């Protein structure tokens, strides 16, 4: 395998250099980490609990959208 400096420059510009170096080490590159994680559900329906979207103290969680 011949890799010259022009190939390294091109991989760096395209964002593939890390995946190339990991593949040389025998590791599989992970997926893109820039994806946003799913929002955790804050709504737990319980009788007598605080209304949905409110909290006794601290920051107020966003409403879940499926509250009655």
PDB file of N, CA and C in Angstrom:
ATOM      1  N   UNK A   1       0.857  -1.165   0.000  1.00  0.00           N
ATOM      2  CA  UNK A   1       0.000   0.000   0.000  1.00  0.00           C
ATOM      3  C   UNK A   1       0.905   1.230   0.000  1.00  0.00           C
ATOM      4  N   UNK A   2       0.739   2.048  -1.022  1.00  0.00           N
ATOM      5  CA  UNK A   2       1.506   3.286  -1.115  1.00  0.00           C
ATOM      6  C   UNK A   2       0.601   4.462  -0.812  1.00  0.00           C
ATOM      7  N   UNK A   3       0.930   5.195   0.228  1.00  0.00           N
ATOM      8  CA  UNK A   3       0.179   6.385   0.613  1.00  0.00           C
ATOM      9  C   UNK A   3       1.162   7.530   0.638  1.00  0.00           C
ATOM     10  N   UNK A   4       0.924   8.516  -0.207  1.00  0.00           N
ATOM     11  CA  UNK A   4       1.834   9.662  -0.217  1.00  0.00           C
ATOM     12  C   UNK A   4       1.189  10.848   0.496  1.00  0.00           C
ATOM     13  N   UNK A   5       1.918  11.928   0.568  1.00  0.00           N
ATOM     14  CA  UNK A   5       1.447  13.097   1.317  1.00  0.00           C
ATOM     15  C   UNK A   5       0.193  13.699   0.686  1.00  0.00           C
ATOM     16  N   UNK A   6       0.039  13.606  -0.625  1.00  0.00           N
ATOM     17  CA  UNK A   6      -1.162  14.139  -1.282  1.00  0.00           C
ATOM     18  C   UNK A   6      -2.400  13.362  -0.840  1.00  0.00           C
ATOM     19  N   UNK A   7      -2.250  12.046  -0.646  1.00  0.00           N
ATOM     20  CA  UNK A   7      -3.379  11.246  -0.167  1.00  0.00           C
ATOM     21  C   UNK A   7      -3.766  11.649   1.252  1.00  0.00           C
ATOM     22  N   UNK A   8      -2.776  11.873   2.093  1.00  0.00           N
ATOM     23  CA  UNK A   8      -3.042  12.285   3.481  1.00  0.00           C
ATOM     24  C   UNK A   8      -3.747  13.636   3.498  1.00  0.00           C
ATOM     25  N   UNK A   9      -3.282  14.566   2.670  1.00  0.00           N
ATOM     26  CA  UNK A   9      -3.917  15.888   2.599  1.00  0.00           C
ATOM     27  C   UNK A   9      -5.358  15.769   2.136  1.00  0.00           C
ATOM     28  N   UNK A  10      -5.600  14.929   1.136  1.00  0.00           N
ATOM     29  CA  UNK A  10      -6.964  14.761   0.622  1.00  0.00           C
ATOM     30  C   UNK A  10      -7.859  14.122   1.681  1.00  0.00           C
ATOM     31  N   UNK A  11      -7.352  13.119   2.404  1.00  0.00           N
ATOM     32  CA  UNK A  11      -8.156  12.488   3.452  1.00  0.00           C
ATOM     33  C   UNK A  11      -8.464  13.465   4.570  1.00  0.00           C
ATOM     34  N   UNK A  12      -7.510  14.313   4.906  1.00  0.00           N
ATOM     35  CA  UNK A  12      -7.733  15.309   5.960  1.00  0.00           C
ATOM     36  C   UNK A  12      -8.809  16.302   5.539  1.00  0.00           C
ATOM     37  N   UNK A  13      -8.770  16.741   4.283  1.00  0.00           N
ATOM     38  CA  UNK A  13      -9.766  17.696   3.796  1.00  0.00           C
ATOM     39  C   UNK A  13     -11.162  17.077   3.752  1.00  0.00           C
ATOM     40  N   UNK A  14     -11.240  15.794   3.447  1.00  0.00           N
ATOM     41  CA  UNK A  14     -12.530  15.120   3.354  1.00  0.00           C
ATOM     42  C   UNK A  14     -13.017  14.598   4.701  1.00  0.00           C
ATOM     43  N   UNK A  15     -12.182  14.663   5.730  1.00  0.00           N
ATOM     44  CA  UNK A  15     -12.568  14.183   7.050  1.00  0.00           C
ATOM     45  C   UNK A  15     -12.433  12.684   7.220  1.00  0.00           C
ATOM     46  N   UNK A  16     -11.655  12.025   6.350  1.00  0.00           N
ATOM     47  CA  UNK A  16     -11.511  10.572   6.396  1.00  0.00           C
ATOM     48  C   UNK A  16     -10.195  10.113   7.018  1.00  0.00           C
ATOM     49  N   UNK A  17      -9.368  11.033   7.472  1.00  0.00           N
ATOM     50  CA  UNK A  17      -8.048  10.647   7.971  1.00  0.00           C
ATOM     51  C   UNK A  17      -8.145   9.794   9.234  1.00  0.00           C
ATOM     52  N   UNK A  18      -9.015  10.156  10.150  1.00  0.00           N
ATOM     53  CA  UNK A  18      -9.147   9.396  11.388  1.00  0.00           C
ATOM     54  C   UNK A  18      -9.610   7.966  11.099  1.00  0.00           C
ATOM     55  N   UNK A  19     -10.593   7.818  10.219  1.00  0.00           N
ATOM     56  CA  UNK A  19     -11.083   6.483   9.869  1.00  0.00           C
ATOM     57  C   UNK A  19      -9.980   5.662   9.204  1.00  0.00           C
ATOM     58  N   UNK A  20      -9.156   6.299   8.366  1.00  0.00           N
ATOM     59  CA  UNK A  20      -8.055   5.599   7.711  1.00  0.00           C
ATOM     60  C   UNK A  20      -7.033   5.114   8.731  1.00  0.00           C
ATOM     61  N   UNK A  21      -6.668   5.981   9.666  1.00  0.00           N
ATOM     62  CA  UNK A  21      -5.676   5.598  10.677  1.00  0.00           C
ATOM     63  C   UNK A  21      -6.212   4.505  11.595  1.00  0.00           C
ATOM     64  N   UNK A  22      -7.489   4.571  11.941  1.00  0.00           N
ATOM     65  CA  UNK A  22      -8.078   3.520  12.763  1.00  0.00           C
ATOM     66  C   UNK A  22      -8.104   2.190  12.019  1.00  0.00           C
ATOM     67  N   UNK A  23      -8.371   2.227  10.712  1.00  0.00           N
ATOM     68  CA  UNK A  23      -8.394   0.980   9.951  1.00  0.00           C
ATOM     69  C   UNK A  23      -6.998   0.375   9.840  1.00  0.00           C
ATOM     70  N   UNK A  24      -5.967   1.209   9.819  1.00  0.00           N
ATOM     71  CA  UNK A  24      -4.600   0.683   9.813  1.00  0.00           C
ATOM     72  C   UNK A  24      -4.277  -0.028  11.120  1.00  0.00           C
ATOM     73  N   UNK A  25      -4.879   0.441  12.204  1.00  0.00           N
ATOM     74  CA  UNK A  25      -4.646  -0.175  13.514  1.00  0.00           C
ATOM     75  C   UNK A  25      -5.554  -1.386  13.736  1.00  0.00           C
ATOM     76  N   UNK A  26      -6.419  -1.692  12.764  1.00  0.00           N
ATOM     77  CA  UNK A  26      -7.300  -2.845  12.885  1.00  0.00           C
ATOM     78  C   UNK A  26      -8.573  -2.564  13.647  1.00  0.00           C
ATOM     79  N   UNK A  27      -8.893  -1.306  13.846  1.00  0.00           N
ATOM     80  CA  UNK A  27     -10.118  -0.944  14.557  1.00  0.00           C
ATOM     81  C   UNK A  27     -11.152  -0.441  13.573  1.00  0.00           C
ATOM     82  N   UNK A  28     -12.412  -0.632  13.897  1.00  0.00           N
ATOM     83  CA  UNK A  28     -13.502  -0.170  13.052  1.00  0.00           C
ATOM     84  C   UNK A  28     -13.881   1.246  13.463  1.00  0.00           C
ATOM     85  N   UNK A  29     -13.923   2.171  12.509  1.00  0.00           N
ATOM     86  CA  UNK A  29     -14.336   3.535  12.855  1.00  0.00           C
ATOM     87  C   UNK A  29     -15.780   3.562  13.333  1.00  0.00           C
ATOM     88  N   UNK A  30     -16.053   4.379  14.336  1.00  0.00           N
ATOM     89  CA  UNK A  30     -17.411   4.508  14.853  1.00  0.00           C
ATOM     90  C   UNK A  30     -18.212   5.434  13.953  1.00  0.00           C
ATOM     91  N   UNK A  31     -19.505   5.481  14.180  1.00  0.00           N
ATOM     92  CA  UNK A  31     -20.377   6.350  13.402  1.00  0.00           C
ATOM     93  C   UNK A  31     -20.161   7.799  13.811  1.00  0.00           C
ATOM     94  N   UNK A  32     -20.774   8.680  13.071  1.00  0.00           N
ATOM     95  CA  UNK A  32     -20.642  10.111  13.329  1.00  0.00           C
ATOM     96  C   UNK A  32     -21.149  10.440  14.730  1.00  0.00           C
ATOM     97  N   UNK A  33     -20.332  11.136  15.501  1.00  0.00           N
ATOM     98  CA  UNK A  33     -20.703  11.467  16.876  1.00  0.00           C
ATOM     99  C   UNK A  33     -21.379  12.822  16.979  1.00  0.00           C
ATOM    100  N   UNK A  34     -21.615  13.472  15.856  1.00  0.00           N
ATOM    101  CA  UNK A  34     -22.255  14.779  15.882  1.00  0.00           C
ATOM    102  C   UNK A  34     -23.771  14.686  15.919  1.00  0.00           C
ATOM    103  N   UNK A  35     -24.310  13.486  15.902  1.00  0.00           N
ATOM    104  CA  UNK A  35     -25.760  13.345  15.970  1.00  0.00           C
ATOM    105  C   UNK A  35     -26.242  13.642  17.387  1.00  0.00           C
ATOM    106  N   UNK A  36     -27.381  14.269  17.490  1.00  0.00           N
ATOM    107  CA  UNK A  36     -27.917  14.619  18.797  1.00  0.00           C
ATOM    108  C   UNK A  36     -28.601  13.400  19.418  1.00  0.00           C
ATOM    109  N   UNK A  37     -28.357  13.173  20.696  1.00  0.00           N
ATOM    110  CA  UNK A  37     -29.026  12.040  21.343  1.00  0.00           C
ATOM    111  C   UNK A  37     -30.514  12.314  21.497  1.00  0.00           C
ATOM    112  N   UNK A  38     -31.277  11.236  21.636  1.00  0.00           N
ATOM    113  CA  UNK A  38     -32.716  11.390  21.828  1.00  0.00           C
ATOM    114  C   UNK A  38     -32.988  12.033  23.184  1.00  0.00           C
ATOM    115  N   UNK A  39     -34.070  12.813  23.230  1.00  0.00           N
ATOM    116  CA  UNK A  39     -34.427  13.453  24.489  1.00  0.00           C
ATOM    117  C   UNK A  39     -34.962  12.399  25.458  1.00  0.00           C
ATOM    118  N   UNK A  40     -34.495  12.416  26.693  1.00  0.00           N
ATOM    119  CA  UNK A  40     -35.021  11.444  27.653  1.00  0.00           C
ATOM    120  C   UNK A  40     -36.447  11.809  28.051  1.00  0.00           C
ATOM    121  N   UNK A  41     -37.284  10.827  28.282  1.00  0.00           N
ATOM    122  CA  UNK A  41     -38.664  11.137  28.675  1.00  0.00           C
ATOM    123  C   UNK A  41     -38.706  11.611  30.134  1.00  0.00           C
ATOM    124  N   UNK A  42     -39.307  12.769  30.350  1.00  0.00           N
ATOM    125  CA  UNK A  42     -39.428  13.298  31.702  1.00  0.00           C
ATOM    126  C   UNK A  42     -40.787  12.977  32.313  1.00  0.00           C
ATOM    127  N   UNK A  43     -41.732  12.582  31.489  1.00  0.00           N
ATOM    128  CA  UNK A  43     -43.097  12.388  31.974  1.00  0.00           C
ATOM    129  C   UNK A  43     -43.267  10.963  32.506  1.00  0.00           C
ATOM    130  N   UNK A  44     -43.556  10.866  33.777  1.00  0.00           N
ATOM    131  CA  UNK A  44     -43.884   9.592  34.405  1.00  0.00           C
ATOM    132  C   UNK A  44     -45.249   9.789  35.061  1.00  0.00           C
ATOM    133  N   UNK A  45     -46.305   9.250  34.474  1.00  0.00           N
ATOM    134  CA  UNK A  45     -47.634   9.483  35.029  1.00  0.00           C
ATOM    135  C   UNK A  45     -47.803   8.792  36.384  1.00  0.00           C
ATOM    136  N   UNK A  46     -48.114   9.592  37.407  1.00  0.00           N
ATOM    137  CA  UNK A  46     -48.386   9.057  38.748  1.00  0.00           C
ATOM    138  C   UNK A  46     -49.513   9.871  39.362  1.00  0.00           C
ATOM    139  N   UNK A  47     -50.429   9.201  40.001  1.00  0.00           N
ATOM    140  CA  UNK A  47     -51.533   9.905  40.652  1.00  0.00           C
ATOM    141  C   UNK A  47     -50.988  10.699  41.842  1.00  0.00           C
ATOM    142  N   UNK A  48     -51.447  11.930  41.951  1.00  0.00           N
ATOM    143  CA  UNK A  48     -51.045  12.784  43.062  1.00  0.00           C
ATOM    144  C   UNK A  48     -49.688  13.418  42.878  1.00  0.00           C
ATOM    145  N   UNK A  49     -49.047  13.233  41.752  1.00  0.00           N
ATOM    146  CA  UNK A  49     -47.726  13.809  41.513  1.00  0.00           C
ATOM    147  C   UNK A  49     -47.865  15.229  40.995  1.00  0.00           C
ATOM    148  N   UNK A  50     -46.757  15.912  40.869  1.00  0.00           N
ATOM    149  CA  UNK A  50     -46.763  17.253  40.307  1.00  0.00           C
ATOM    150  C   UNK A  50     -47.301  17.181  38.879  1.00  0.00           C
ATOM    151  N   UNK A  51     -47.944  18.239  38.396  1.00  0.00           N
ATOM    152  CA  UNK A  51     -48.439  18.231  37.021  1.00  0.00           C
ATOM    153  C   UNK A  51     -47.300  18.062  36.018  1.00  0.00           C
ATOM    154  N   UNK A  52     -47.642  17.512  34.877  1.00  0.00           N
ATOM    155  CA  UNK A  52     -46.652  17.282  33.834  1.00  0.00           C
ATOM    156  C   UNK A  52     -45.997  18.606  33.425  1.00  0.00           C
ATOM    157  N   UNK A  53     -44.687  18.601  33.289  1.00  0.00           N
ATOM    158  CA  UNK A  53     -43.966  19.801  32.884  1.00  0.00           C
ATOM    159  C   UNK A  53     -43.549  20.672  34.037  1.00  0.00           C
ATOM    160  N   UNK A  54     -43.823  20.281  35.274  1.00  0.00           N
ATOM    161  CA  UNK A  54     -43.403  21.064  36.426  1.00  0.00           C
ATOM    162  C   UNK A  54     -42.550  20.191  37.339  1.00  0.00           C
ATOM    163  N   UNK A  55     -41.844  20.837  38.218  1.00  0.00           N
ATOM    164  CA  UNK A  55     -41.001  20.123  39.163  1.00  0.00           C
ATOM    165  C   UNK A  55     -40.991  20.904  40.471  1.00  0.00           C
ATOM    166  N   UNK A  56     -40.833  20.234  41.601  1.00  0.00           N
ATOM    167  CA  UNK A  56     -40.841  20.935  42.865  1.00  0.00           C
ATOM    168  C   UNK A  56     -39.656  21.873  43.031  1.00  0.00           C
ATOM    169  N   UNK A  57     -38.512  21.534  42.454  1.00  0.00           N
ATOM    170  CA  UNK A  57     -37.339  22.400  42.542  1.00  0.00           C
ATOM    171  C   UNK A  57     -36.433  22.110  41.350  1.00  0.00           C
ATOM    172  N   UNK A  58     -35.539  23.013  41.082  1.00  0.00           N
ATOM    173  CA  UNK A  58     -34.621  22.815  39.971  1.00  0.00           C
ATOM    174  C   UNK A  58     -35.245  23.249  38.657  1.00  0.00           C
ATOM    175  N   UNK A  59     -34.584  22.936  37.566  1.00  0.00           N
ATOM    176  CA  UNK A  59     -35.102  23.363  36.262  1.00  0.00           C
ATOM    177  C   UNK A  59     -36.368  22.607  35.884  1.00  0.00           C
ATOM    178  N   UNK A  60     -37.230  23.284  35.194  1.00  0.00           N
ATOM    179  CA  UNK A  60     -38.482  22.678  34.760  1.00  0.00           C
ATOM    180  C   UNK A  60     -38.244  21.891  33.481  1.00  0.00           C
ATOM    181  N   UNK A  61     -38.579  20.602  33.464  1.00  0.00           N
ATOM    182  CA  UNK A  61     -38.397  19.835  32.240  1.00  0.00           C
ATOM    183  C   UNK A  61     -39.422  20.259  31.190  1.00  0.00           C
ATOM    184  N   UNK A  62     -39.110  20.073  29.920  1.00  0.00           N
ATOM    185  CA  UNK A  62     -40.073  20.437  28.885  1.00  0.00           C
ATOM    186  C   UNK A  62     -41.256  19.483  28.901  1.00  0.00           C
ATOM    187  N   UNK A  63     -42.436  19.944  28.508  1.00  0.00           N
ATOM    188  CA  UNK A  63     -43.588  19.047  28.451  1.00  0.00           C
ATOM    189  C   UNK A  63     -43.354  17.949  27.427  1.00  0.00           C
ATOM    190  N   UNK A  64     -43.923  16.785  27.687  1.00  0.00           N
ATOM    191  CA  UNK A  64     -43.661  15.632  26.827  1.00  0.00           C
ATOM    192  C   UNK A  64     -44.548  15.609  25.593  1.00  0.00           C
ATOM    193  N   UNK A  65     -45.643  16.322  25.591  1.00  0.00           N
ATOM    194  CA  UNK A  65     -46.514  16.366  24.427  1.00  0.00           C
ATOM    195  C   UNK A  65     -47.609  15.312  24.441  1.00  0.00           C
ATOM    196  N   UNK A  66     -47.520  14.327  25.350  1.00  0.00           N
ATOM    197  CA  UNK A  66     -48.568  13.314  25.422  1.00  0.00           C
ATOM    198  C   UNK A  66     -49.329  13.385  26.736  1.00  0.00           C
ATOM    199  N   UNK A  67     -49.256  14.521  27.399  1.00  0.00           N
ATOM    200  CA  UNK A  67     -49.935  14.683  28.678  1.00  0.00           C
ATOM    201  C   UNK A  67     -51.412  14.967  28.465  1.00  0.00           C
ATOM    202  N   UNK A  68     -52.251  14.485  29.366  1.00  0.00           N
ATOM    203  CA  UNK A  68     -53.687  14.751  29.219  1.00  0.00           C
ATOM    204  C   UNK A  68     -54.038  16.191  29.531  1.00  0.00           C
TER     205      UNK A  68
END
